[in-house]
């Protein structure tokens, strides 16, 4: 009886380990949009743009040609259902799912709005260096001031006195309007690397997808416990290069 229980526990552990390891880890592939299916199941031609998709042992994300994240979000691998590989998370269109067929040659992107984008895996054109659809970063806020009031010229003549020598003035610095904290990236406030909020800095998350609660590697930080800002280099404002002035 003890041997049987041990064997069952061993098999459950093996299946849990297999479930958390997604296929194609370390690979990057290019997919071309061939069709769009709307909420009413009406099918139309795709725009023929392409997305690079990078795979990890925990899921996948839209990337550039080298496999670097373009900022659209991460999709966690949910497992194999009816011979379809299922991923769920953040996409260019918001929350949604990536459905790959068994050999990953075909991809259906299903948005929460009920629209499906059909992609097919193919060789990337030589000119393709990154994904065509990338979430646009917010434009920097530029503040403008009202023109200064200039009074009309006076008809009263003022006496003219001999002027005193004036020392040469130094060039005036103009405050950078992009960074809120002078010289710091406005998206991370200069803290380039932060504790991962998804896992609280532990590198793992409690997962109950398959009915058994277990800790798995956090997909947001890939187990590294921290995440880096994707809008800057080492926390410096990209507009003024960290000087605070232009």
C-alpha atoms as a PDB file:
ATOM      1  CA  UNK A   1       0.000   0.000   0.000  1.00  0.00           C
ATOM      2  CA  UNK A   2       2.842   2.387   0.914  1.00  0.00           C
ATOM      3  CA  UNK A   3       4.593   1.603  -2.369  1.00  0.00           C
ATOM      4  CA  UNK A   4       1.399   2.369  -4.319  1.00  0.00           C
ATOM      5  CA  UNK A   5       0.953   5.711  -2.554  1.00  0.00           C
ATOM      6  CA  UNK A   6       4.586   6.557  -3.180  1.00  0.00           C
ATOM      7  CA  UNK A   7       4.236   5.715  -6.880  1.00  0.00           C
ATOM      8  CA  UNK A   8       1.091   7.870  -7.219  1.00  0.00           C
ATOM      9  CA  UNK A   9       2.828  10.770  -5.488  1.00  0.00           C
ATOM     10  CA  UNK A  10       5.849  10.330  -7.769  1.00  0.00           C
ATOM     11  CA  UNK A  11       3.702  10.423 -10.927  1.00  0.00           C
ATOM     12  CA  UNK A  12       1.839  13.532  -9.693  1.00  0.00           C
ATOM     13  CA  UNK A  13       5.157  15.280  -9.102  1.00  0.00           C
ATOM     14  CA  UNK A  14       6.368  14.384 -12.588  1.00  0.00           C
ATOM     15  CA  UNK A  15       3.160  15.657 -14.209  1.00  0.00           C
ATOM     16  CA  UNK A  16       3.321  18.886 -12.194  1.00  0.00           C
ATOM     17  CA  UNK A  17       6.912  19.452 -13.306  1.00  0.00           C
ATOM     18  CA  UNK A  18       5.997  18.807 -16.940  1.00  0.00           C
ATOM     19  CA  UNK A  19       2.980  21.138 -16.704  1.00  0.00           C
ATOM     20  CA  UNK A  20       5.021  24.103 -15.568  1.00  0.00           C
ATOM     21  CA  UNK A  21       7.649  23.750 -18.294  1.00  0.00           C
ATOM     22  CA  UNK A  22       6.280  25.242 -21.512  1.00  0.00           C
ATOM     23  CA  UNK A  23       7.514  24.016 -24.919  1.00  0.00           C
ATOM     24  CA  UNK A  24      10.093  25.768 -27.136  1.00  0.00           C
ATOM     25  CA  UNK A  25      11.887  27.492 -24.228  1.00  0.00           C
ATOM     26  CA  UNK A  26      14.666  29.740 -25.550  1.00  0.00           C
ATOM     27  CA  UNK A  27      13.298  29.865 -29.105  1.00  0.00           C
ATOM     28  CA  UNK A  28      11.998  32.848 -31.111  1.00  0.00           C
ATOM     29  CA  UNK A  29       9.672  32.477 -34.136  1.00  0.00           C
ATOM     30  CA  UNK A  30       7.982  34.851 -36.608  1.00  0.00           C
ATOM     31  CA  UNK A  31       4.224  34.640 -37.289  1.00  0.00           C
ATOM     32  CA  UNK A  32       2.374  36.384 -40.125  1.00  0.00           C
ATOM     33  CA  UNK A  33      -1.237  37.598 -39.776  1.00  0.00           C
ATOM     34  CA  UNK A  34      -3.353  35.931 -42.484  1.00  0.00           C
ATOM     35  CA  UNK A  35      -6.948  36.446 -41.317  1.00  0.00           C
ATOM     36  CA  UNK A  36      -9.234  38.170 -38.795  1.00  0.00           C
ATOM     37  CA  UNK A  37     -12.491  36.710 -37.419  1.00  0.00           C
ATOM     38  CA  UNK A  38     -14.834  39.210 -35.739  1.00  0.00           C
ATOM     39  CA  UNK A  39     -17.394  38.681 -32.947  1.00  0.00           C
ATOM     40  CA  UNK A  40     -19.989  37.525 -35.502  1.00  0.00           C
ATOM     41  CA  UNK A  41     -17.670  34.856 -36.966  1.00  0.00           C
ATOM     42  CA  UNK A  42     -17.186  36.955 -40.099  1.00  0.00           C
ATOM     43  CA  UNK A  43     -13.768  36.252 -41.591  1.00  0.00           C
ATOM     44  CA  UNK A  44     -11.639  38.828 -43.436  1.00  0.00           C
ATOM     45  CA  UNK A  45      -8.088  38.984 -44.732  1.00  0.00           C
ATOM     46  CA  UNK A  46      -5.262  39.770 -42.315  1.00  0.00           C
ATOM     47  CA  UNK A  47      -2.952  42.736 -42.742  1.00  0.00           C
ATOM     48  CA  UNK A  48       0.087  40.479 -43.433  1.00  0.00           C
ATOM     49  CA  UNK A  49       2.085  42.071 -40.595  1.00  0.00           C
ATOM     50  CA  UNK A  50       4.267  39.846 -38.452  1.00  0.00           C
ATOM     51  CA  UNK A  51       5.023  39.286 -34.784  1.00  0.00           C
ATOM     52  CA  UNK A  52       8.193  37.792 -33.324  1.00  0.00           C
ATOM     53  CA  UNK A  53       7.273  35.565 -30.373  1.00  0.00           C
ATOM     54  CA  UNK A  54       9.859  34.443 -27.826  1.00  0.00           C
ATOM     55  CA  UNK A  55       9.235  31.364 -25.676  1.00  0.00           C
ATOM     56  CA  UNK A  56      10.381  30.671 -22.114  1.00  0.00           C
ATOM     57  CA  UNK A  57       9.836  27.706 -19.820  1.00  0.00           C
ATOM     58  CA  UNK A  58       6.965  29.664 -18.225  1.00  0.00           C
ATOM     59  CA  UNK A  59       5.234  31.167 -21.279  1.00  0.00           C
ATOM     60  CA  UNK A  60       5.817  33.546 -24.188  1.00  0.00           C
ATOM     61  CA  UNK A  61       5.879  37.234 -25.159  1.00  0.00           C
ATOM     62  CA  UNK A  62       6.093  39.458 -28.261  1.00  0.00           C
ATOM     63  CA  UNK A  63       9.716  40.308 -29.012  1.00  0.00           C
ATOM     64  CA  UNK A  64      12.145  41.670 -31.544  1.00  0.00           C
ATOM     65  CA  UNK A  65      14.317  39.548 -33.838  1.00  0.00           C
ATOM     66  CA  UNK A  66      16.842  38.893 -31.055  1.00  0.00           C
ATOM     67  CA  UNK A  67      14.148  37.762 -28.605  1.00  0.00           C
ATOM     68  CA  UNK A  68      14.056  40.898 -26.451  1.00  0.00           C
ATOM     69  CA  UNK A  69      10.674  41.878 -24.983  1.00  0.00           C
ATOM     70  CA  UNK A  70       8.931  44.773 -26.816  1.00  0.00           C
ATOM     71  CA  UNK A  71       6.649  45.597 -23.888  1.00  0.00           C
ATOM     72  CA  UNK A  72       3.311  44.141 -25.011  1.00  0.00           C
ATOM     73  CA  UNK A  73       3.123  41.853 -21.964  1.00  0.00           C
ATOM     74  CA  UNK A  74       3.752  38.266 -20.860  1.00  0.00           C
ATOM     75  CA  UNK A  75       1.480  35.245 -21.436  1.00  0.00           C
ATOM     76  CA  UNK A  76       1.700  32.324 -19.005  1.00  0.00           C
ATOM     77  CA  UNK A  77       1.581  28.776 -20.340  1.00  0.00           C
ATOM     78  CA  UNK A  78      -1.652  27.089 -19.209  1.00  0.00           C
ATOM     79  CA  UNK A  79      -1.036  23.652 -20.699  1.00  0.00           C
ATOM     80  CA  UNK A  80      -2.191  21.401 -23.527  1.00  0.00           C
ATOM     81  CA  UNK A  81      -5.960  21.205 -24.084  1.00  0.00           C
ATOM     82  CA  UNK A  82      -7.401  19.098 -26.936  1.00  0.00           C
ATOM     83  CA  UNK A  83      -3.961  19.105 -28.587  1.00  0.00           C
ATOM     84  CA  UNK A  84      -3.852  22.928 -28.430  1.00  0.00           C
ATOM     85  CA  UNK A  85      -1.155  24.783 -26.462  1.00  0.00           C
ATOM     86  CA  UNK A  86      -2.855  27.523 -24.410  1.00  0.00           C
ATOM     87  CA  UNK A  87      -1.206  30.746 -23.176  1.00  0.00           C
ATOM     88  CA  UNK A  88      -2.965  33.583 -21.323  1.00  0.00           C
ATOM     89  CA  UNK A  89      -1.888  37.068 -20.285  1.00  0.00           C
ATOM     90  CA  UNK A  90      -1.248  40.575 -21.635  1.00  0.00           C
ATOM     91  CA  UNK A  91      -1.121  41.168 -25.400  1.00  0.00           C
ATOM     92  CA  UNK A  92      -1.013  44.101 -27.830  1.00  0.00           C
ATOM     93  CA  UNK A  93      -4.840  44.072 -27.715  1.00  0.00           C
ATOM     94  CA  UNK A  94      -5.062  43.850 -23.907  1.00  0.00           C
ATOM     95  CA  UNK A  95      -5.839  40.668 -21.980  1.00  0.00           C
ATOM     96  CA  UNK A  96      -6.136  37.670 -24.272  1.00  0.00           C
ATOM     97  CA  UNK A  97      -5.086  34.122 -25.158  1.00  0.00           C
ATOM     98  CA  UNK A  98      -2.595  32.627 -27.600  1.00  0.00           C
ATOM     99  CA  UNK A  99      -3.679  29.244 -29.013  1.00  0.00           C
ATOM    100  CA  UNK A 100      -0.968  27.272 -30.867  1.00  0.00           C
ATOM    101  CA  UNK A 101      -1.615  24.020 -32.683  1.00  0.00           C
ATOM    102  CA  UNK A 102       0.413  20.935 -31.747  1.00  0.00           C
ATOM    103  CA  UNK A 103       3.482  21.766 -33.876  1.00  0.00           C
ATOM    104  CA  UNK A 104       3.274  25.557 -33.306  1.00  0.00           C
ATOM    105  CA  UNK A 105       2.836  26.223 -37.048  1.00  0.00           C
ATOM    106  CA  UNK A 106      -0.425  28.115 -36.517  1.00  0.00           C
ATOM    107  CA  UNK A 107      -1.458  30.717 -33.926  1.00  0.00           C
ATOM    108  CA  UNK A 108      -4.893  32.101 -33.052  1.00  0.00           C
ATOM    109  CA  UNK A 109      -4.898  35.214 -30.853  1.00  0.00           C
ATOM    110  CA  UNK A 110      -8.230  35.558 -29.056  1.00  0.00           C
ATOM    111  CA  UNK A 111      -8.979  38.908 -27.400  1.00  0.00           C
ATOM    112  CA  UNK A 112     -11.453  39.513 -24.583  1.00  0.00           C
ATOM    113  CA  UNK A 113     -13.503  41.540 -27.075  1.00  0.00           C
ATOM    114  CA  UNK A 114     -14.185  38.293 -28.965  1.00  0.00           C
ATOM    115  CA  UNK A 115     -11.981  38.996 -32.008  1.00  0.00           C
ATOM    116  CA  UNK A 116      -9.609  36.300 -33.283  1.00  0.00           C
ATOM    117  CA  UNK A 117      -6.430  37.114 -35.219  1.00  0.00           C
ATOM    118  CA  UNK A 118      -5.089  34.184 -37.249  1.00  0.00           C
ATOM    119  CA  UNK A 119      -1.314  33.881 -37.712  1.00  0.00           C
ATOM    120  CA  UNK A 120       0.860  31.360 -39.505  1.00  0.00           C
ATOM    121  CA  UNK A 121       4.485  30.564 -38.702  1.00  0.00           C
ATOM    122  CA  UNK A 122       6.889  31.316 -41.537  1.00  0.00           C
ATOM    123  CA  UNK A 123      10.398  32.583 -42.175  1.00  0.00           C
ATOM    124  CA  UNK A 124      10.800  36.243 -41.242  1.00  0.00           C
ATOM    125  CA  UNK A 125      11.603  38.667 -44.079  1.00  0.00           C
ATOM    126  CA  UNK A 126      15.157  40.026 -44.052  1.00  0.00           C
ATOM    127  CA  UNK A 127      13.767  43.504 -43.351  1.00  0.00           C
ATOM    128  CA  UNK A 128      11.865  42.407 -40.223  1.00  0.00           C
ATOM    129  CA  UNK A 129      13.738  43.384 -37.065  1.00  0.00           C
ATOM    130  CA  UNK A 130      10.894  43.544 -34.530  1.00  0.00           C
ATOM    131  CA  UNK A 131       7.176  42.869 -34.080  1.00  0.00           C
ATOM    132  CA  UNK A 132       4.873  45.046 -36.174  1.00  0.00           C
ATOM    133  CA  UNK A 133       2.332  45.577 -33.398  1.00  0.00           C
ATOM    134  CA  UNK A 134       3.845  47.178 -30.288  1.00  0.00           C
ATOM    135  CA  UNK A 135       1.955  49.026 -27.561  1.00  0.00           C
ATOM    136  CA  UNK A 136       2.723  52.720 -27.959  1.00  0.00           C
ATOM    137  CA  UNK A 137       4.424  54.324 -24.993  1.00  0.00           C
ATOM    138  CA  UNK A 138       2.705  57.441 -23.619  1.00  0.00           C
ATOM    139  CA  UNK A 139       3.994  60.687 -25.080  1.00  0.00           C
ATOM    140  CA  UNK A 140       5.887  62.956 -22.675  1.00  0.00           C
ATOM    141  CA  UNK A 141       3.802  65.732 -21.140  1.00  0.00           C
ATOM    142  CA  UNK A 142       4.885  69.126 -22.440  1.00  0.00           C
ATOM    143  CA  UNK A 143       3.774  72.179 -20.492  1.00  0.00           C
ATOM    144  CA  UNK A 144       3.490  75.569 -22.146  1.00  0.00           C
ATOM    145  CA  UNK A 145       3.251  78.916 -20.413  1.00  0.00           C
ATOM    146  CA  UNK A 146       1.275  81.960 -21.510  1.00  0.00           C
ATOM    147  CA  UNK A 147       3.220  84.731 -23.272  1.00  0.00           C
ATOM    148  CA  UNK A 148       4.573  87.362 -20.894  1.00  0.00           C
ATOM    149  CA  UNK A 149       2.707  90.693 -20.870  1.00  0.00           C
ATOM    150  CA  UNK A 150       4.686  93.476 -22.545  1.00  0.00           C
ATOM    151  CA  UNK A 151       3.424  96.950 -21.618  1.00  0.00           C
ATOM    152  CA  UNK A 152       3.110  99.594 -24.359  1.00  0.00           C
ATOM    153  CA  UNK A 153       6.028 102.020 -24.733  1.00  0.00           C
ATOM    154  CA  UNK A 154       5.841 105.009 -22.404  1.00  0.00           C
ATOM    155  CA  UNK A 155       5.762 108.566 -23.755  1.00  0.00           C
ATOM    156  CA  UNK A 156       7.709 109.808 -20.732  1.00  0.00           C
ATOM    157  CA  UNK A 157      11.424 109.927 -21.381  1.00  0.00           C
ATOM    158  CA  UNK A 158      13.580 108.525 -18.621  1.00  0.00           C
ATOM    159  CA  UNK A 159      17.003 109.927 -17.926  1.00  0.00           C
ATOM    160  CA  UNK A 160      19.940 108.013 -19.287  1.00  0.00           C
ATOM    161  CA  UNK A 161      22.797 107.331 -16.914  1.00  0.00           C
ATOM    162  CA  UNK A 162      26.231 105.990 -17.796  1.00  0.00           C
ATOM    163  CA  UNK A 163      26.026 102.230 -17.802  1.00  0.00           C
ATOM    164  CA  UNK A 164      28.246 100.072 -15.648  1.00  0.00           C
ATOM    165  CA  UNK A 165      30.221  97.229 -17.173  1.00  0.00           C
ATOM    166  CA  UNK A 166      28.222  94.015 -17.376  1.00  0.00           C
ATOM    167  CA  UNK A 167      29.975  90.702 -17.053  1.00  0.00           C
ATOM    168  CA  UNK A 168      29.291  88.141 -19.786  1.00  0.00           C
ATOM    169  CA  UNK A 169      26.258  85.998 -18.957  1.00  0.00           C
ATOM    170  CA  UNK A 170      26.419  82.216 -18.857  1.00  0.00           C
ATOM    171  CA  UNK A 171      24.168  80.171 -21.167  1.00  0.00           C
ATOM    172  CA  UNK A 172      20.700  79.566 -19.689  1.00  0.00           C
ATOM    173  CA  UNK A 173      19.811  75.924 -19.002  1.00  0.00           C
ATOM    174  CA  UNK A 174      16.355  74.772 -20.078  1.00  0.00           C
ATOM    175  CA  UNK A 175      14.614  72.334 -17.759  1.00  0.00           C
ATOM    176  CA  UNK A 176      13.814  68.973 -19.384  1.00  0.00           C
ATOM    177  CA  UNK A 177      10.021  68.636 -19.630  1.00  0.00           C
ATOM    178  CA  UNK A 178      10.067  64.846 -19.928  1.00  0.00           C
ATOM    179  CA  UNK A 179      11.380  63.844 -16.510  1.00  0.00           C
ATOM    180  CA  UNK A 180       9.376  64.649 -13.379  1.00  0.00           C
ATOM    181  CA  UNK A 181      12.344  64.115 -11.075  1.00  0.00           C
ATOM    182  CA  UNK A 182      15.244  65.956 -12.787  1.00  0.00           C
ATOM    183  CA  UNK A 183      17.368  63.486 -14.712  1.00  0.00           C
ATOM    184  CA  UNK A 184      15.322  60.440 -13.681  1.00  0.00           C
ATOM    185  CA  UNK A 185      13.165  58.216 -15.899  1.00  0.00           C
ATOM    186  CA  UNK A 186       9.552  59.251 -15.303  1.00  0.00           C
ATOM    187  CA  UNK A 187       8.310  55.655 -15.585  1.00  0.00           C
ATOM    188  CA  UNK A 188      10.508  54.174 -12.814  1.00  0.00           C
ATOM    189  CA  UNK A 189      11.533  57.423 -11.016  1.00  0.00           C
ATOM    190  CA  UNK A 190      15.155  56.421 -11.429  1.00  0.00           C
ATOM    191  CA  UNK A 191      14.743  52.999  -9.804  1.00  0.00           C
ATOM    192  CA  UNK A 192      15.822  50.975 -12.836  1.00  0.00           C
ATOM    193  CA  UNK A 193      15.447  47.573 -11.170  1.00  0.00           C
ATOM    194  CA  UNK A 194      12.519  46.980  -8.818  1.00  0.00           C
ATOM    195  CA  UNK A 195      11.160  44.100  -6.779  1.00  0.00           C
ATOM    196  CA  UNK A 196       8.753  42.068  -8.922  1.00  0.00           C
ATOM    197  CA  UNK A 197       5.209  43.034  -7.904  1.00  0.00           C
ATOM    198  CA  UNK A 198       3.702  39.887  -9.419  1.00  0.00           C
ATOM    199  CA  UNK A 199       5.431  37.552  -6.954  1.00  0.00           C
ATOM    200  CA  UNK A 200       6.382  40.030  -4.213  1.00  0.00           C
ATOM    201  CA  UNK A 201      10.079  39.440  -4.834  1.00  0.00           C
ATOM    202  CA  UNK A 202      10.006  35.712  -4.042  1.00  0.00           C
ATOM    203  CA  UNK A 203      10.543  34.498  -7.596  1.00  0.00           C
ATOM    204  CA  UNK A 204       7.695  31.993  -7.250  1.00  0.00           C
ATOM    205  CA  UNK A 205       3.897  32.044  -7.321  1.00  0.00           C
ATOM    206  CA  UNK A 206       1.237  29.723  -5.940  1.00  0.00           C
ATOM    207  CA  UNK A 207      -0.532  28.051  -8.862  1.00  0.00           C
ATOM    208  CA  UNK A 208      -3.723  25.999  -8.747  1.00  0.00           C
ATOM    209  CA  UNK A 209      -4.358  25.644 -12.479  1.00  0.00           C
ATOM    210  CA  UNK A 210      -4.357  21.847 -12.471  1.00  0.00           C
ATOM    211  CA  UNK A 211      -6.289  21.343  -9.230  1.00  0.00           C
ATOM    212  CA  UNK A 212      -3.216  20.923  -7.043  1.00  0.00           C
ATOM    213  CA  UNK A 213      -1.719  23.972  -5.383  1.00  0.00           C
ATOM    214  CA  UNK A 214       2.020  24.264  -5.950  1.00  0.00           C
ATOM    215  CA  UNK A 215       4.648  26.940  -6.253  1.00  0.00           C
ATOM    216  CA  UNK A 216       5.919  27.685  -9.752  1.00  0.00           C
ATOM    217  CA  UNK A 217       8.472  30.103 -11.134  1.00  0.00           C
ATOM    218  CA  UNK A 218       7.041  33.608 -11.549  1.00  0.00           C
ATOM    219  CA  UNK A 219       6.499  34.323 -15.242  1.00  0.00           C
ATOM    220  CA  UNK A 220       6.818  38.104 -14.874  1.00  0.00           C
ATOM    221  CA  UNK A 221      10.406  38.046 -13.568  1.00  0.00           C
ATOM    222  CA  UNK A 222      11.312  34.501 -14.688  1.00  0.00           C
ATOM    223  CA  UNK A 223      12.294  33.680 -11.120  1.00  0.00           C
ATOM    224  CA  UNK A 224      14.811  36.548 -10.836  1.00  0.00           C
ATOM    225  CA  UNK A 225      12.733  38.322  -8.136  1.00  0.00           C
ATOM    226  CA  UNK A 226      13.240  41.718  -9.771  1.00  0.00           C
ATOM    227  CA  UNK A 227      12.132  43.385 -13.022  1.00  0.00           C
ATOM    228  CA  UNK A 228      13.918  46.080 -14.986  1.00  0.00           C
ATOM    229  CA  UNK A 229      12.324  49.202 -16.453  1.00  0.00           C
ATOM    230  CA  UNK A 230      11.858  48.807 -20.224  1.00  0.00           C
ATOM    231  CA  UNK A 231      11.630  52.575 -20.870  1.00  0.00           C
ATOM    232  CA  UNK A 232      15.153  53.621 -19.849  1.00  0.00           C
ATOM    233  CA  UNK A 233      18.765  52.596 -19.291  1.00  0.00           C
ATOM    234  CA  UNK A 234      19.722  52.386 -15.633  1.00  0.00           C
ATOM    235  CA  UNK A 235      17.038  54.844 -14.479  1.00  0.00           C
ATOM    236  CA  UNK A 236      18.215  57.923 -16.433  1.00  0.00           C
ATOM    237  CA  UNK A 237      15.793  60.064 -18.454  1.00  0.00           C
ATOM    238  CA  UNK A 238      16.230  59.151 -22.119  1.00  0.00           C
ATOM    239  CA  UNK A 239      15.453  62.702 -23.314  1.00  0.00           C
ATOM    240  CA  UNK A 240      18.094  64.597 -21.324  1.00  0.00           C
ATOM    241  CA  UNK A 241      20.431  61.626 -20.695  1.00  0.00           C
ATOM    242  CA  UNK A 242      20.060  62.066 -16.960  1.00  0.00           C
ATOM    243  CA  UNK A 243      21.177  65.710 -16.780  1.00  0.00           C
ATOM    244  CA  UNK A 244      17.744  67.213 -16.070  1.00  0.00           C
ATOM    245  CA  UNK A 245      18.325  69.923 -18.663  1.00  0.00           C
ATOM    246  CA  UNK A 246      18.392  70.263 -22.440  1.00  0.00           C
END
